[in-house]
Amino acid sequence: MTETDTQSGNGKKAPILDYDIHKVLKALPHRYPLLLVDRVREIHLGERIHAVKAVSMNEEFFQGHFPGAPIMPGVLQIEALAQAAAILGIETLELAGTGKLVIFMGIDGAKFRSPVTPGCLLDLEVEFLQQRRTIYKFKGRASVEGKTTCETEFTAMIADPPEG
C-alpha cells in the first residue's frame, strides 16, 4: 500500500507525497518552455497543493527579462500557480488521462512582493476556495525561502480540449 491508499486518523485520505516530474507530465498538457511545475511536494485532495519550480538561468524568458538583471516575469509566477492548481484539480477529480483541461478564467488581486531570480526554488502553494459546477476558485502564493514573491486569487474551469 502507498501513502495515497491509506486513510489518516480523521477519515480523510493521506496526502500524496510521491509526485515527481513524470506524474506532472501525465497530469498537465504543458511542455517546455511553458511547463512551470517540476515537482509536487504534497497534495491534500480537495484542499491544497505544494509544488516547486526550480528556476534556472537557462529559462528562455531570462534572455529578454532582463538582460544583465534576470527576473522571472510575474505573469509566469501566476501561470506556475495555475499549473499547480490544475494538478490539484485533476488529482482531486480523478481526471488524469481523460483529456479534460483546466483553463484560466480570471485573476483577482495579484500582488508581486519580491523578485524571483535564477537559482531559486519557487514554492507554489495553492488552496481551493470554492466550487460551482465546473468552475473553481483558488488562492495561490509563490515564495522563495519563505519570502512571498507573488500572491493572487484566480478562477479556472474544467473543459474539454478545443476541437482541432
Protein backbone atom coordinates (compact mmCIF):
# COMPACT_ATOMS: atom_id res chain seq x y z
CA MET A 1 0.00 0.00 0.00
CA THR A 2 1.24 3.51 -0.79
CA GLU A 3 0.61 6.63 1.24
CA THR A 4 -2.12 7.62 -1.20
CA ASP A 5 -4.04 4.42 -0.39
CA THR A 6 -4.16 4.85 3.35
CA GLN A 7 -6.59 6.84 5.41
CA SER A 8 -5.48 9.32 8.02
CA GLY A 9 -6.94 9.15 11.51
CA ASN A 10 -9.67 11.71 10.67
CA GLY A 11 -11.14 9.70 7.78
CA LYS A 12 -9.53 11.80 5.06
CA LYS A 13 -7.08 10.37 2.55
CA ALA A 14 -3.45 10.81 3.48
CA PRO A 15 -1.61 13.42 1.41
CA ILE A 16 0.07 12.41 -1.84
CA LEU A 17 3.81 12.79 -1.35
CA ASP A 18 5.37 10.85 -4.23
CA TYR A 19 4.64 13.14 -7.20
CA ASP A 20 7.67 13.60 -9.44
CA ILE A 21 8.13 15.17 -12.89
CA HIS A 22 6.82 12.04 -14.63
CA LYS A 23 3.47 12.40 -12.85
CA VAL A 24 3.44 16.14 -13.54
CA LEU A 25 3.85 15.40 -17.27
CA LYS A 26 0.96 12.90 -17.12
CA ALA A 27 -1.31 15.41 -15.37
CA LEU A 28 -0.57 18.56 -17.41
CA PRO A 29 -0.61 19.12 -21.17
CA HIS A 30 2.12 21.80 -20.82
CA ARG A 31 5.62 21.14 -22.12
CA TYR A 32 8.89 23.06 -22.32
CA PRO A 33 9.22 26.01 -22.38
CA LEU A 34 5.86 26.61 -20.65
CA LEU A 35 5.86 23.76 -18.13
CA LEU A 36 6.39 25.61 -14.84
CA VAL A 37 5.98 22.85 -12.23
CA ASP A 38 8.91 20.49 -11.66
CA ARG A 39 7.73 18.53 -8.64
CA VAL A 40 4.86 18.31 -6.19
CA ARG A 41 5.83 18.04 -2.55
CA GLU A 42 2.36 17.42 -1.17
CA ILE A 43 -1.26 17.22 -2.32
CA HIS A 44 -4.21 17.17 0.05
CA LEU A 45 -7.00 16.14 -2.32
CA GLY A 46 -9.83 18.65 -2.44
CA GLU A 47 -7.89 21.10 -0.29
CA ARG A 48 -4.39 22.25 -1.24
CA ILE A 49 -1.13 21.57 -3.04
CA HIS A 50 2.54 22.48 -2.52
CA ALA A 51 4.55 22.30 -5.74
CA VAL A 52 8.00 23.54 -6.74
CA LYS A 53 9.54 25.24 -9.78
CA ALA A 54 13.34 25.17 -9.99
CA VAL A 55 14.19 28.49 -11.64
CA SER A 56 17.25 28.11 -13.88
CA MET A 57 19.29 30.68 -15.78
CA ASN A 58 18.52 28.54 -18.84
CA GLU A 59 14.85 29.65 -18.86
CA GLU A 60 14.04 31.25 -22.22
CA PHE A 61 12.34 34.27 -20.65
CA PHE A 62 15.60 35.38 -18.98
CA GLN A 63 17.05 36.21 -22.42
CA GLY A 64 14.85 39.29 -22.57
CA HIS A 65 13.64 39.85 -19.00
CA PHE A 66 16.04 41.50 -18.27
CA PRO A 67 19.49 41.12 -19.85
CA GLY A 68 22.06 41.67 -17.10
CA ALA A 69 19.41 41.58 -14.34
CA PRO A 70 17.30 38.44 -14.88
CA ILE A 71 13.90 38.43 -13.14
CA MET A 72 11.12 35.88 -13.64
CA PRO A 73 8.06 37.70 -15.02
CA GLY A 74 5.22 37.96 -12.51
CA VAL A 75 2.73 36.64 -15.03
CA LEU A 76 4.77 33.41 -15.22
CA GLN A 77 4.66 33.09 -11.44
CA ILE A 78 0.86 33.25 -11.71
CA GLU A 79 0.95 30.67 -14.53
CA ALA A 80 3.05 28.38 -12.31
CA LEU A 81 0.44 28.73 -9.54
CA ALA A 82 -2.30 27.96 -12.06
CA GLN A 83 -0.47 24.82 -13.21
CA ALA A 84 -0.17 23.67 -9.60
CA ALA A 85 -3.91 24.33 -9.18
CA ALA A 86 -4.58 22.29 -12.33
CA ILE A 87 -2.72 19.33 -10.83
CA LEU A 88 -4.74 19.69 -7.62
CA GLY A 89 -7.98 19.72 -9.61
CA ILE A 90 -7.01 16.86 -11.90
CA GLU A 91 -5.97 14.65 -8.99
CA THR A 92 -8.95 15.59 -6.80
CA LEU A 93 -11.46 14.96 -9.60
CA GLU A 94 -9.55 11.93 -10.95
CA LEU A 95 -9.33 13.44 -14.44
CA ALA A 96 -5.83 12.23 -15.40
CA GLY A 97 -5.94 10.66 -18.84
CA THR A 98 -9.43 11.97 -19.69
CA GLY A 99 -8.18 14.79 -21.91
CA LYS A 100 -10.01 17.37 -19.79
CA LEU A 101 -8.24 20.70 -19.37
CA VAL A 102 -8.16 23.19 -16.53
CA ILE A 103 -8.48 26.60 -18.19
CA PHE A 104 -7.75 30.00 -16.62
CA MET A 105 -10.78 32.31 -16.43
CA GLY A 106 -9.71 35.20 -14.22
CA ILE A 107 -7.10 36.63 -11.88
CA ASP A 108 -8.03 38.75 -8.85
CA GLY A 109 -5.88 40.89 -6.60
CA ALA A 110 -2.47 39.82 -7.90
CA LYS A 111 0.37 41.30 -5.91
CA PHE A 112 4.08 40.96 -6.59
CA ARG A 113 6.21 41.26 -3.48
CA SER A 114 9.75 40.19 -4.34
CA PRO A 115 11.73 39.31 -7.49
CA VAL A 116 12.43 35.72 -8.49
CA THR A 117 15.93 35.24 -9.91
CA PRO A 118 17.89 32.32 -11.39
CA GLY A 119 18.88 29.65 -8.90
CA CYS A 120 15.74 29.97 -6.78
CA LEU A 121 13.41 27.18 -5.77
CA LEU A 122 9.98 28.75 -6.21
CA ASP A 123 7.47 27.24 -3.79
CA LEU A 124 3.91 27.19 -5.16
CA GLU A 125 1.13 26.86 -2.60
CA VAL A 126 -2.46 26.78 -3.81
CA GLU A 127 -5.70 26.06 -2.00
CA PHE A 128 -9.29 25.56 -3.14
CA LEU A 129 -11.58 28.41 -2.08
CA GLN A 130 -14.88 27.43 -3.69
CA GLN A 131 -16.52 25.36 -6.40
CA ARG A 132 -19.58 25.96 -8.55
CA ARG A 133 -20.23 23.16 -11.03
CA THR A 134 -17.14 23.07 -13.25
CA ILE A 135 -15.78 26.45 -12.07
CA TYR A 136 -13.24 26.62 -9.26
CA LYS A 137 -11.74 29.50 -7.30
CA PHE A 138 -8.22 29.20 -5.87
CA LYS A 139 -5.89 31.20 -3.68
CA GLY A 140 -2.20 30.99 -4.55
CA ARG A 141 1.06 32.11 -3.01
CA ALA A 142 4.52 31.81 -4.54
CA SER A 143 7.57 32.17 -2.32
CA VAL A 144 11.33 31.70 -2.15
CA GLU A 145 12.79 30.54 1.17
CA GLY A 146 9.58 31.56 2.94
CA LYS A 147 9.51 35.08 1.46
CA THR A 148 6.37 35.78 -0.59
CA THR A 149 7.09 36.71 -4.20
CA CYS A 150 3.53 36.68 -5.56
CA GLU A 151 0.01 36.15 -4.25
CA THR A 152 -3.32 36.09 -6.03
CA GLU A 153 -6.75 34.55 -6.29
CA PHE A 154 -7.82 33.07 -9.59
CA THR A 155 -10.66 31.22 -11.25
CA ALA A 156 -10.46 28.25 -13.60
CA MET A 157 -12.84 25.84 -15.26
CA ILE A 158 -12.76 22.20 -16.27
CA ALA A 159 -13.33 21.92 -20.02
CA ASP A 160 -12.97 19.63 -22.98
CA PRO A 161 -9.99 20.40 -25.23
CA PRO A 162 -10.76 22.55 -28.28
CA GLU A 163 -11.57 20.60 -31.41
CA GLY A 164 -8.79 20.77 -33.89
